């Protein structure tokens, strides 16, 4: 999440919608994981984790879009690190969804 919020600050003007979508998607992941782990029964958990997985995948897709922008932020290492972490989160959440 910290990487996403750092990248948001480097986006050029005119990309407010992209900035907003990344902020909302990335900041929803940790509290929703916490909510899912706090559920006592399986059906509630199995409804929560796919939603969180979707937010993680949305965040990764937004990072892809940012990387394709002609005015993309310089630190592509932040994009790469963010994608690497999100791939790992999606892998874990996929297992939790089963």
PDB file of N, CA and C in Angstrom:
ATOM      1  N   UNK A   1       0.823  -1.181   0.000  1.00  0.00           N
ATOM      2  CA  UNK A   1       0.000   0.000   0.000  1.00  0.00           C
ATOM      3  C   UNK A   1       0.873   1.253   0.000  1.00  0.00           C
ATOM      4  N   UNK A   2       1.975   1.214   0.725  1.00  0.00           N
ATOM      5  CA  UNK A   2       2.850   2.387   0.797  1.00  0.00           C
ATOM      6  C   UNK A   2       3.420   2.721  -0.573  1.00  0.00           C
ATOM      7  N   UNK A   3       3.742   1.700  -1.354  1.00  0.00           N
ATOM      8  CA  UNK A   3       4.277   1.941  -2.693  1.00  0.00           C
ATOM      9  C   UNK A   3       3.224   2.634  -3.548  1.00  0.00           C
ATOM     10  N   UNK A   4       1.981   2.151  -3.480  1.00  0.00           N
ATOM     11  CA  UNK A   4       0.902   2.754  -4.273  1.00  0.00           C
ATOM     12  C   UNK A   4       0.694   4.205  -3.885  1.00  0.00           C
ATOM     13  N   UNK A   5       0.681   4.483  -2.603  1.00  0.00           N
ATOM     14  CA  UNK A   5       0.459   5.864  -2.162  1.00  0.00           C
ATOM     15  C   UNK A   5       1.623   6.763  -2.558  1.00  0.00           C
ATOM     16  N   UNK A   6       2.832   6.225  -2.556  1.00  0.00           N
ATOM     17  CA  UNK A   6       3.988   7.000  -3.016  1.00  0.00           C
ATOM     18  C   UNK A   6       3.903   7.300  -4.501  1.00  0.00           C
ATOM     19  N   UNK A   7       3.466   6.312  -5.283  1.00  0.00           N
ATOM     20  CA  UNK A   7       3.324   6.516  -6.721  1.00  0.00           C
ATOM     21  C   UNK A   7       2.240   7.535  -7.042  1.00  0.00           C
ATOM     22  N   UNK A   8       1.176   7.518  -6.275  1.00  0.00           N
ATOM     23  CA  UNK A   8       0.074   8.459  -6.484  1.00  0.00           C
ATOM     24  C   UNK A   8       0.593   9.890  -6.442  1.00  0.00           C
ATOM     25  N   UNK A   9       1.508  10.136  -5.541  1.00  0.00           N
ATOM     26  CA  UNK A   9       2.050  11.494  -5.389  1.00  0.00           C
ATOM     27  C   UNK A   9       2.914  11.916  -6.572  1.00  0.00           C
ATOM     28  N   UNK A  10       3.423  10.962  -7.333  1.00  0.00           N
ATOM     29  CA  UNK A  10       4.304  11.302  -8.453  1.00  0.00           C
ATOM     30  C   UNK A  10       3.568  11.414  -9.779  1.00  0.00           C
ATOM     31  N   UNK A  11       2.285  11.066  -9.789  1.00  0.00           N
ATOM     32  CA  UNK A  11       1.537  11.124 -11.054  1.00  0.00           C
ATOM     33  C   UNK A  11       1.350  12.572 -11.506  1.00  0.00           C
ATOM     34  N   UNK A  12       1.500  12.803 -12.800  1.00  0.00           N
ATOM     35  CA  UNK A  12       1.345  14.169 -13.311  1.00  0.00           C
ATOM     36  C   UNK A  12      -0.102  14.643 -13.230  1.00  0.00           C
ATOM     37  N   UNK A  13      -0.281  15.927 -13.328  1.00  0.00           N
ATOM     38  CA  UNK A  13      -1.622  16.520 -13.309  1.00  0.00           C
ATOM     39  C   UNK A  13      -2.463  15.939 -14.438  1.00  0.00           C
ATOM     40  N   UNK A  14      -3.748  15.940 -14.234  1.00  0.00           N
ATOM     41  CA  UNK A  14      -4.661  15.443 -15.243  1.00  0.00           C
ATOM     42  C   UNK A  14      -4.968  13.964 -15.112  1.00  0.00           C
ATOM     43  N   UNK A  15      -4.390  13.328 -14.122  1.00  0.00           N
ATOM     44  CA  UNK A  15      -4.634  11.898 -13.921  1.00  0.00           C
ATOM     45  C   UNK A  15      -5.349  11.645 -12.591  1.00  0.00           C
ATOM     46  N   UNK A  16      -6.234  12.565 -12.239  1.00  0.00           N
ATOM     47  CA  UNK A  16      -6.934  12.484 -10.955  1.00  0.00           C
ATOM     48  C   UNK A  16      -7.757  11.223 -10.794  1.00  0.00           C
ATOM     49  N   UNK A  17      -8.422  10.798 -11.881  1.00  0.00           N
ATOM     50  CA  UNK A  17      -9.246   9.594 -11.779  1.00  0.00           C
ATOM     51  C   UNK A  17      -8.388   8.362 -11.519  1.00  0.00           C
ATOM     52  N   UNK A  18      -7.272   8.269 -12.218  1.00  0.00           N
ATOM     53  CA  UNK A  18      -6.349   7.146 -12.016  1.00  0.00           C
ATOM     54  C   UNK A  18      -5.776   7.178 -10.603  1.00  0.00           C
ATOM     55  N   UNK A  19      -5.417   8.361 -10.151  1.00  0.00           N
ATOM     56  CA  UNK A  19      -4.891   8.549  -8.792  1.00  0.00           C
ATOM     57  C   UNK A  19      -5.920   8.086  -7.762  1.00  0.00           C
ATOM     58  N   UNK A  20      -7.171   8.492  -7.964  1.00  0.00           N
ATOM     59  CA  UNK A  20      -8.236   8.149  -7.030  1.00  0.00           C
ATOM     60  C   UNK A  20      -8.506   6.644  -7.019  1.00  0.00           C
ATOM     61  N   UNK A  21      -8.555   6.038  -8.192  1.00  0.00           N
ATOM     62  CA  UNK A  21      -8.827   4.601  -8.270  1.00  0.00           C
ATOM     63  C   UNK A  21      -7.733   3.784  -7.595  1.00  0.00           C
ATOM     64  N   UNK A  22      -6.477   4.155  -7.815  1.00  0.00           N
ATOM     65  CA  UNK A  22      -5.376   3.427  -7.182  1.00  0.00           C
ATOM     66  C   UNK A  22      -5.415   3.604  -5.664  1.00  0.00           C
ATOM     67  N   UNK A  23      -5.668   4.810  -5.227  1.00  0.00           N
ATOM     68  CA  UNK A  23      -5.750   5.060  -3.779  1.00  0.00           C
ATOM     69  C   UNK A  23      -6.851   4.219  -3.147  1.00  0.00           C
ATOM     70  N   UNK A  24      -8.038   4.233  -3.751  1.00  0.00           N
ATOM     71  CA  UNK A  24      -9.162   3.474  -3.183  1.00  0.00           C
ATOM     72  C   UNK A  24      -8.900   1.974  -3.214  1.00  0.00           C
ATOM     73  N   UNK A  25      -8.405   1.458  -4.334  1.00  0.00           N
ATOM     74  CA  UNK A  25      -8.176   0.015  -4.439  1.00  0.00           C
ATOM     75  C   UNK A  25      -7.091  -0.449  -3.461  1.00  0.00           C
ATOM     76  N   UNK A  26      -5.975   0.272  -3.432  1.00  0.00           N
ATOM     77  CA  UNK A  26      -4.849  -0.142  -2.582  1.00  0.00           C
ATOM     78  C   UNK A  26      -5.164  -0.018  -1.097  1.00  0.00           C
ATOM     79  N   UNK A  27      -5.858   1.051  -0.720  1.00  0.00           N
ATOM     80  CA  UNK A  27      -6.136   1.236   0.703  1.00  0.00           C
ATOM     81  C   UNK A  27      -7.277   0.345   1.202  1.00  0.00           C
ATOM     82  N   UNK A  28      -8.009  -0.285   0.296  1.00  0.00           N
ATOM     83  CA  UNK A  28      -9.075  -1.187   0.746  1.00  0.00           C
ATOM     84  C   UNK A  28      -8.549  -2.587   1.061  1.00  0.00           C
ATOM     85  N   UNK A  29      -7.372  -2.927   0.571  1.00  0.00           N
ATOM     86  CA  UNK A  29      -6.869  -4.299   0.728  1.00  0.00           C
ATOM     87  C   UNK A  29      -6.622  -4.674   2.198  1.00  0.00           C
ATOM     88  N   UNK A  30      -5.783  -3.938   2.954  1.00  0.00           N
ATOM     89  CA  UNK A  30      -5.512  -4.374   4.334  1.00  0.00           C
ATOM     90  C   UNK A  30      -6.743  -4.454   5.235  1.00  0.00           C
ATOM     91  N   UNK A  31      -7.630  -3.427   5.243  1.00  0.00           N
ATOM     92  CA  UNK A  31      -8.778  -3.566   6.144  1.00  0.00           C
ATOM     93  C   UNK A  31      -9.729  -4.689   5.736  1.00  0.00           C
ATOM     94  N   UNK A  32      -9.835  -4.961   4.443  1.00  0.00           N
ATOM     95  CA  UNK A  32     -10.719  -6.037   4.015  1.00  0.00           C
ATOM     96  C   UNK A  32     -10.135  -7.413   4.327  1.00  0.00           C
ATOM     97  N   UNK A  33      -8.808  -7.544   4.284  1.00  0.00           N
ATOM     98  CA  UNK A  33      -8.187  -8.799   4.719  1.00  0.00           C
ATOM     99  C   UNK A  33      -8.455  -8.989   6.209  1.00  0.00           C
ATOM    100  N   UNK A  34      -8.315  -7.923   6.973  1.00  0.00           N
ATOM    101  CA  UNK A  34      -8.581  -8.001   8.414  1.00  0.00           C
ATOM    102  C   UNK A  34     -10.042  -8.375   8.673  1.00  0.00           C
ATOM    103  N   UNK A  35     -10.943  -7.792   7.912  1.00  0.00           N
ATOM    104  CA  UNK A  35     -12.362  -8.117   8.075  1.00  0.00           C
ATOM    105  C   UNK A  35     -12.615  -9.592   7.781  1.00  0.00           C
ATOM    106  N   UNK A  36     -12.030 -10.100   6.694  1.00  0.00           N
ATOM    107  CA  UNK A  36     -12.218 -11.505   6.343  1.00  0.00           C
ATOM    108  C   UNK A  36     -11.657 -12.435   7.389  1.00  0.00           C
ATOM    109  N   UNK A  37     -10.494 -12.105   7.933  1.00  0.00           N
ATOM    110  CA  UNK A  37      -9.893 -12.986   8.941  1.00  0.00           C
ATOM    111  C   UNK A  37     -10.662 -12.928  10.259  1.00  0.00           C
ATOM    112  N   UNK A  38     -11.439 -11.869  10.450  1.00  0.00           N
ATOM    113  CA  UNK A  38     -12.247 -11.765  11.657  1.00  0.00           C
ATOM    114  C   UNK A  38     -13.573 -12.495  11.577  1.00  0.00           C
ATOM    115  N   UNK A  39     -13.924 -12.970  10.401  1.00  0.00           N
ATOM    116  CA  UNK A  39     -15.185 -13.715  10.232  1.00  0.00           C
ATOM    117  C   UNK A  39     -15.036 -15.091  10.866  1.00  0.00           C
ATOM    118  N   UNK A  40     -16.062 -15.512  11.570  1.00  0.00           N
ATOM    119  CA  UNK A  40     -15.987 -16.768  12.306  1.00  0.00           C
ATOM    120  C   UNK A  40     -16.366 -17.981  11.464  1.00  0.00           C
ATOM    121  N   UNK A  41     -17.239 -17.799  10.483  1.00  0.00           N
ATOM    122  CA  UNK A  41     -17.648 -18.966   9.711  1.00  0.00           C
ATOM    123  C   UNK A  41     -17.121 -18.913   8.287  1.00  0.00           C
ATOM    124  N   UNK A  42     -17.023 -20.067   7.670  1.00  0.00           N
ATOM    125  CA  UNK A  42     -16.470 -20.203   6.333  1.00  0.00           C
ATOM    126  C   UNK A  42     -17.185 -19.420   5.249  1.00  0.00           C
ATOM    127  N   UNK A  43     -18.531 -19.437   5.210  1.00  0.00           N
ATOM    128  CA  UNK A  43     -19.216 -18.727   4.130  1.00  0.00           C
ATOM    129  C   UNK A  43     -18.931 -17.222   4.112  1.00  0.00           C
ATOM    130  N   UNK A  44     -18.865 -16.599   5.276  1.00  0.00           N
ATOM    131  CA  UNK A  44     -18.545 -15.168   5.315  1.00  0.00           C
ATOM    132  C   UNK A  44     -17.129 -14.915   4.820  1.00  0.00           C
ATOM    133  N   UNK A  45     -16.207 -15.758   5.233  1.00  0.00           N
ATOM    134  CA  UNK A  45     -14.824 -15.620   4.765  1.00  0.00           C
ATOM    135  C   UNK A  45     -14.744 -15.825   3.262  1.00  0.00           C
ATOM    136  N   UNK A  46     -15.436 -16.831   2.765  1.00  0.00           N
ATOM    137  CA  UNK A  46     -15.326 -17.125   1.339  1.00  0.00           C
ATOM    138  C   UNK A  46     -15.995 -16.057   0.476  1.00  0.00           C
ATOM    139  N   UNK A  47     -16.814 -15.199   1.053  1.00  0.00           N
ATOM    140  CA  UNK A  47     -17.355 -14.067   0.296  1.00  0.00           C
ATOM    141  C   UNK A  47     -16.422 -12.865   0.350  1.00  0.00           C
ATOM    142  N   UNK A  48     -15.653 -12.738   1.416  1.00  0.00           N
ATOM    143  CA  UNK A  48     -14.800 -11.559   1.606  1.00  0.00           C
ATOM    144  C   UNK A  48     -13.508 -11.639   0.802  1.00  0.00           C
ATOM    145  N   UNK A  49     -12.830 -12.758   0.827  1.00  0.00           N
ATOM    146  CA  UNK A  49     -11.512 -12.861   0.186  1.00  0.00           C
ATOM    147  C   UNK A  49     -11.532 -12.645  -1.330  1.00  0.00           C
ATOM    148  N   UNK A  50     -12.541 -13.127  -2.056  1.00  0.00           N
ATOM    149  CA  UNK A  50     -12.556 -12.812  -3.493  1.00  0.00           C
ATOM    150  C   UNK A  50     -12.689 -11.312  -3.782  1.00  0.00           C
ATOM    151  N   UNK A  51     -13.388 -10.600  -2.932  1.00  0.00           N
ATOM    152  CA  UNK A  51     -13.511  -9.148  -3.103  1.00  0.00           C
ATOM    153  C   UNK A  51     -12.163  -8.486  -2.908  1.00  0.00           C
ATOM    154  N   UNK A  52     -11.433  -8.917  -1.877  1.00  0.00           N
ATOM    155  CA  UNK A  52     -10.097  -8.367  -1.615  1.00  0.00           C
ATOM    156  C   UNK A  52      -9.155  -8.716  -2.770  1.00  0.00           C
ATOM    157  N   UNK A  53      -9.263  -9.927  -3.262  1.00  0.00           N
ATOM    158  CA  UNK A  53      -8.439 -10.352  -4.401  1.00  0.00           C
ATOM    159  C   UNK A  53      -8.713  -9.456  -5.606  1.00  0.00           C
ATOM    160  N   UNK A  54      -9.962  -9.111  -5.815  1.00  0.00           N
ATOM    161  CA  UNK A  54     -10.316  -8.209  -6.904  1.00  0.00           C
ATOM    162  C   UNK A  54      -9.682  -6.841  -6.744  1.00  0.00           C
ATOM    163  N   UNK A  55      -9.645  -6.328  -5.527  1.00  0.00           N
ATOM    164  CA  UNK A  55      -9.009  -5.029  -5.272  1.00  0.00           C
ATOM    165  C   UNK A  55      -7.509  -5.092  -5.548  1.00  0.00           C
ATOM    166  N   UNK A  56      -6.885  -6.205  -5.173  1.00  0.00           N
ATOM    167  CA  UNK A  56      -5.447  -6.365  -5.432  1.00  0.00           C
ATOM    168  C   UNK A  56      -5.182  -6.446  -6.933  1.00  0.00           C
ATOM    169  N   UNK A  57      -6.033  -7.160  -7.648  1.00  0.00           N
ATOM    170  CA  UNK A  57      -5.859  -7.268  -9.098  1.00  0.00           C
ATOM    171  C   UNK A  57      -6.120  -5.925  -9.781  1.00  0.00           C
ATOM    172  N   UNK A  58      -7.086  -5.181  -9.277  1.00  0.00           N
ATOM    173  CA  UNK A  58      -7.338  -3.842  -9.819  1.00  0.00           C
ATOM    174  C   UNK A  58      -6.125  -2.944  -9.597  1.00  0.00           C
ATOM    175  N   UNK A  59      -5.546  -3.007  -8.413  1.00  0.00           N
ATOM    176  CA  UNK A  59      -4.353  -2.208  -8.120  1.00  0.00           C
ATOM    177  C   UNK A  59      -3.217  -2.555  -9.074  1.00  0.00           C
ATOM    178  N   UNK A  60      -3.015  -3.843  -9.321  1.00  0.00           N
ATOM    179  CA  UNK A  60      -1.953  -4.273 -10.235  1.00  0.00           C
ATOM    180  C   UNK A  60      -2.218  -3.774 -11.654  1.00  0.00           C
ATOM    181  N   UNK A  61      -3.462  -3.828 -12.087  1.00  0.00           N
ATOM    182  CA  UNK A  61      -3.804  -3.349 -13.428  1.00  0.00           C
ATOM    183  C   UNK A  61      -3.564  -1.850 -13.549  1.00  0.00           C
ATOM    184  N   UNK A  62      -3.866  -1.115 -12.498  1.00  0.00           N
ATOM    185  CA  UNK A  62      -3.635   0.335 -12.521  1.00  0.00           C
ATOM    186  C   UNK A  62      -2.136   0.620 -12.595  1.00  0.00           C
ATOM    187  N   UNK A  63      -1.326  -0.168 -11.891  1.00  0.00           N
ATOM    188  CA  UNK A  63       0.121   0.009 -11.992  1.00  0.00           C
ATOM    189  C   UNK A  63       0.597  -0.266 -13.416  1.00  0.00           C
ATOM    190  N   UNK A  64      -0.013  -1.252 -14.073  1.00  0.00           N
ATOM    191  CA  UNK A  64       0.322  -1.511 -15.475  1.00  0.00           C
ATOM    192  C   UNK A  64       0.005  -0.296 -16.341  1.00  0.00           C
ATOM    193  N   UNK A  65      -1.158   0.289 -16.126  1.00  0.00           N
ATOM    194  CA  UNK A  65      -1.567   1.471 -16.899  1.00  0.00           C
ATOM    195  C   UNK A  65      -0.599   2.622 -16.651  1.00  0.00           C
ATOM    196  N   UNK A  66      -0.227   2.819 -15.405  1.00  0.00           N
ATOM    197  CA  UNK A  66       0.712   3.906 -15.074  1.00  0.00           C
ATOM    198  C   UNK A  66       2.035   3.692 -15.808  1.00  0.00           C
ATOM    199  N   UNK A  67       2.497   2.453 -15.862  1.00  0.00           N
ATOM    200  CA  UNK A  67       3.748   2.149 -16.550  1.00  0.00           C
ATOM    201  C   UNK A  67       3.690   2.407 -18.047  1.00  0.00           C
ATOM    202  N   UNK A  68       2.501   2.385 -18.620  1.00  0.00           N
ATOM    203  CA  UNK A  68       2.341   2.617 -20.057  1.00  0.00           C
ATOM    204  C   UNK A  68       2.164   4.090 -20.420  1.00  0.00           C
ATOM    205  N   UNK A  69       1.950   4.919 -19.429  1.00  0.00           N
ATOM    206  CA  UNK A  69       1.732   6.341 -19.696  1.00  0.00           C
ATOM    207  C   UNK A  69       2.981   6.985 -20.286  1.00  0.00           C
ATOM    208  N   UNK A  70       2.792   7.871 -21.252  1.00  0.00           N
ATOM    209  CA  UNK A  70       3.963   8.561 -21.807  1.00  0.00           C
ATOM    210  C   UNK A  70       4.654   9.427 -20.753  1.00  0.00           C
ATOM    211  N   UNK A  71       3.891   9.869 -19.773  1.00  0.00           N
ATOM    212  CA  UNK A  71       4.465  10.692 -18.698  1.00  0.00           C
ATOM    213  C   UNK A  71       4.572   9.867 -17.417  1.00  0.00           C
ATOM    214  N   UNK A  72       4.930   8.595 -17.563  1.00  0.00           N
ATOM    215  CA  UNK A  72       5.007   7.703 -16.402  1.00  0.00           C
ATOM    216  C   UNK A  72       6.049   8.212 -15.411  1.00  0.00           C
ATOM    217  N   UNK A  73       5.790   7.965 -14.117  1.00  0.00           N
ATOM    218  CA  UNK A  73       6.774   8.356 -13.103  1.00  0.00           C
ATOM    219  C   UNK A  73       8.114   7.675 -13.369  1.00  0.00           C
ATOM    220  N   UNK A  74       9.189   8.360 -13.095  1.00  0.00           N
ATOM    221  CA  UNK A  74      10.529   7.840 -13.346  1.00  0.00           C
ATOM    222  C   UNK A  74      10.880   6.565 -12.593  1.00  0.00           C
ATOM    223  N   UNK A  75      10.574   6.491 -11.305  1.00  0.00           N
ATOM    224  CA  UNK A  75      11.046   5.304 -10.576  1.00  0.00           C
ATOM    225  C   UNK A  75      10.278   4.048 -10.963  1.00  0.00           C
ATOM    226  N   UNK A  76      10.629   3.462 -12.122  1.00  0.00           N
ATOM    227  CA  UNK A  76       9.942   2.247 -12.548  1.00  0.00           C
ATOM    228  C   UNK A  76      10.206   1.112 -11.567  1.00  0.00           C
ATOM    229  N   UNK A  77      11.257   1.235 -10.756  1.00  0.00           N
ATOM    230  CA  UNK A  77      11.512   0.204  -9.748  1.00  0.00           C
ATOM    231  C   UNK A  77      10.364   0.154  -8.742  1.00  0.00           C
ATOM    232  N   UNK A  78       9.731   1.292  -8.465  1.00  0.00           N
ATOM    233  CA  UNK A  78       8.564   1.305  -7.577  1.00  0.00           C
ATOM    234  C   UNK A  78       7.406   0.559  -8.219  1.00  0.00           C
ATOM    235  N   UNK A  79       7.206   0.763  -9.523  1.00  0.00           N
ATOM    236  CA  UNK A  79       6.155   0.033 -10.231  1.00  0.00           C
ATOM    237  C   UNK A  79       6.440  -1.468 -10.191  1.00  0.00           C
ATOM    238  N   UNK A  80       7.671  -1.848 -10.455  1.00  0.00           N
ATOM    239  CA  UNK A  80       8.047  -3.262 -10.451  1.00  0.00           C
ATOM    240  C   UNK A  80       7.870  -3.877  -9.065  1.00  0.00           C
ATOM    241  N   UNK A  81       8.299  -3.164  -8.047  1.00  0.00           N
ATOM    242  CA  UNK A  81       8.169  -3.667  -6.676  1.00  0.00           C
ATOM    243  C   UNK A  81       6.697  -3.775  -6.284  1.00  0.00           C
ATOM    244  N   UNK A  82       5.914  -2.779  -6.644  1.00  0.00           N
ATOM    245  CA  UNK A  82       4.476  -2.818  -6.357  1.00  0.00           C
ATOM    246  C   UNK A  82       3.807  -4.004  -7.024  1.00  0.00           C
ATOM    247  N   UNK A  83       4.144  -4.244  -8.288  1.00  0.00           N
ATOM    248  CA  UNK A  83       3.579  -5.381  -9.007  1.00  0.00           C
ATOM    249  C   UNK A  83       4.006  -6.703  -8.374  1.00  0.00           C
ATOM    250  N   UNK A  84       5.272  -6.793  -7.992  1.00  0.00           N
ATOM    251  CA  UNK A  84       5.775  -8.026  -7.374  1.00  0.00           C
ATOM    252  C   UNK A  84       5.011  -8.331  -6.087  1.00  0.00           C
ATOM    253  N   UNK A  85       4.820  -7.312  -5.265  1.00  0.00           N
ATOM    254  CA  UNK A  85       4.090  -7.503  -4.010  1.00  0.00           C
ATOM    255  C   UNK A  85       2.629  -7.866  -4.254  1.00  0.00           C
ATOM    256  N   UNK A  86       2.014  -7.201  -5.232  1.00  0.00           N
ATOM    257  CA  UNK A  86       0.608  -7.483  -5.516  1.00  0.00           C
ATOM    258  C   UNK A  86       0.420  -8.883  -6.082  1.00  0.00           C
ATOM    259  N   UNK A  87       1.354  -9.350  -6.899  1.00  0.00           N
ATOM    260  CA  UNK A  87       1.272 -10.720  -7.406  1.00  0.00           C
ATOM    261  C   UNK A  87       1.298 -11.694  -6.232  1.00  0.00           C
ATOM    262  N   UNK A  88       2.162 -11.438  -5.282  1.00  0.00           N
ATOM    263  CA  UNK A  88       2.246 -12.312  -4.093  1.00  0.00           C
ATOM    264  C   UNK A  88       0.956 -12.261  -3.279  1.00  0.00           C
ATOM    265  N   UNK A  89       0.394 -11.067  -3.098  1.00  0.00           N
ATOM    266  CA  UNK A  89      -0.869 -10.922  -2.357  1.00  0.00           C
ATOM    267  C   UNK A  89      -1.985 -11.683  -3.069  1.00  0.00           C
ATOM    268  N   UNK A  90      -2.063 -11.554  -4.392  1.00  0.00           N
ATOM    269  CA  UNK A  90      -3.099 -12.253  -5.155  1.00  0.00           C
ATOM    270  C   UNK A  90      -2.917 -13.763  -5.035  1.00  0.00           C
ATOM    271  N   UNK A  91      -1.681 -14.234  -5.067  1.00  0.00           N
ATOM    272  CA  UNK A  91      -1.425 -15.675  -4.892  1.00  0.00           C
ATOM    273  C   UNK A  91      -1.947 -16.160  -3.536  1.00  0.00           C
ATOM    274  N   UNK A  92      -1.643 -15.414  -2.486  1.00  0.00           N
ATOM    275  CA  UNK A  92      -2.092 -15.801  -1.150  1.00  0.00           C
ATOM    276  C   UNK A  92      -3.616 -15.766  -1.046  1.00  0.00           C
ATOM    277  N   UNK A  93      -4.217 -14.709  -1.581  1.00  0.00           N
ATOM    278  CA  UNK A  93      -5.670 -14.591  -1.510  1.00  0.00           C
ATOM    279  C   UNK A  93      -6.360 -15.662  -2.345  1.00  0.00           C
ATOM    280  N   UNK A  94      -5.745 -16.052  -3.446  1.00  0.00           N
ATOM    281  CA  UNK A  94      -6.314 -17.128  -4.268  1.00  0.00           C
ATOM    282  C   UNK A  94      -6.387 -18.420  -3.467  1.00  0.00           C
ATOM    283  N   UNK A  95      -5.342 -18.706  -2.699  1.00  0.00           N
ATOM    284  CA  UNK A  95      -5.347 -19.895  -1.854  1.00  0.00           C
ATOM    285  C   UNK A  95      -6.404 -19.773  -0.754  1.00  0.00           C
ATOM    286  N   UNK A  96      -6.563 -18.578  -0.217  1.00  0.00           N
ATOM    287  CA  UNK A  96      -7.548 -18.372   0.841  1.00  0.00           C
ATOM    288  C   UNK A  96      -8.978 -18.487   0.312  1.00  0.00           C
ATOM    289  N   UNK A  97      -9.160 -18.238  -0.962  1.00  0.00           N
ATOM    290  CA  UNK A  97     -10.502 -18.330  -1.573  1.00  0.00           C
ATOM    291  C   UNK A  97     -10.946 -19.767  -1.757  1.00  0.00           C
ATOM    292  N   UNK A  98     -10.008 -20.692  -1.757  1.00  0.00           N
ATOM    293  CA  UNK A  98     -10.356 -22.108  -1.997  1.00  0.00           C
ATOM    294  C   UNK A  98     -10.951 -22.754  -0.787  1.00  0.00           C
TER     295      UNK A  98
END
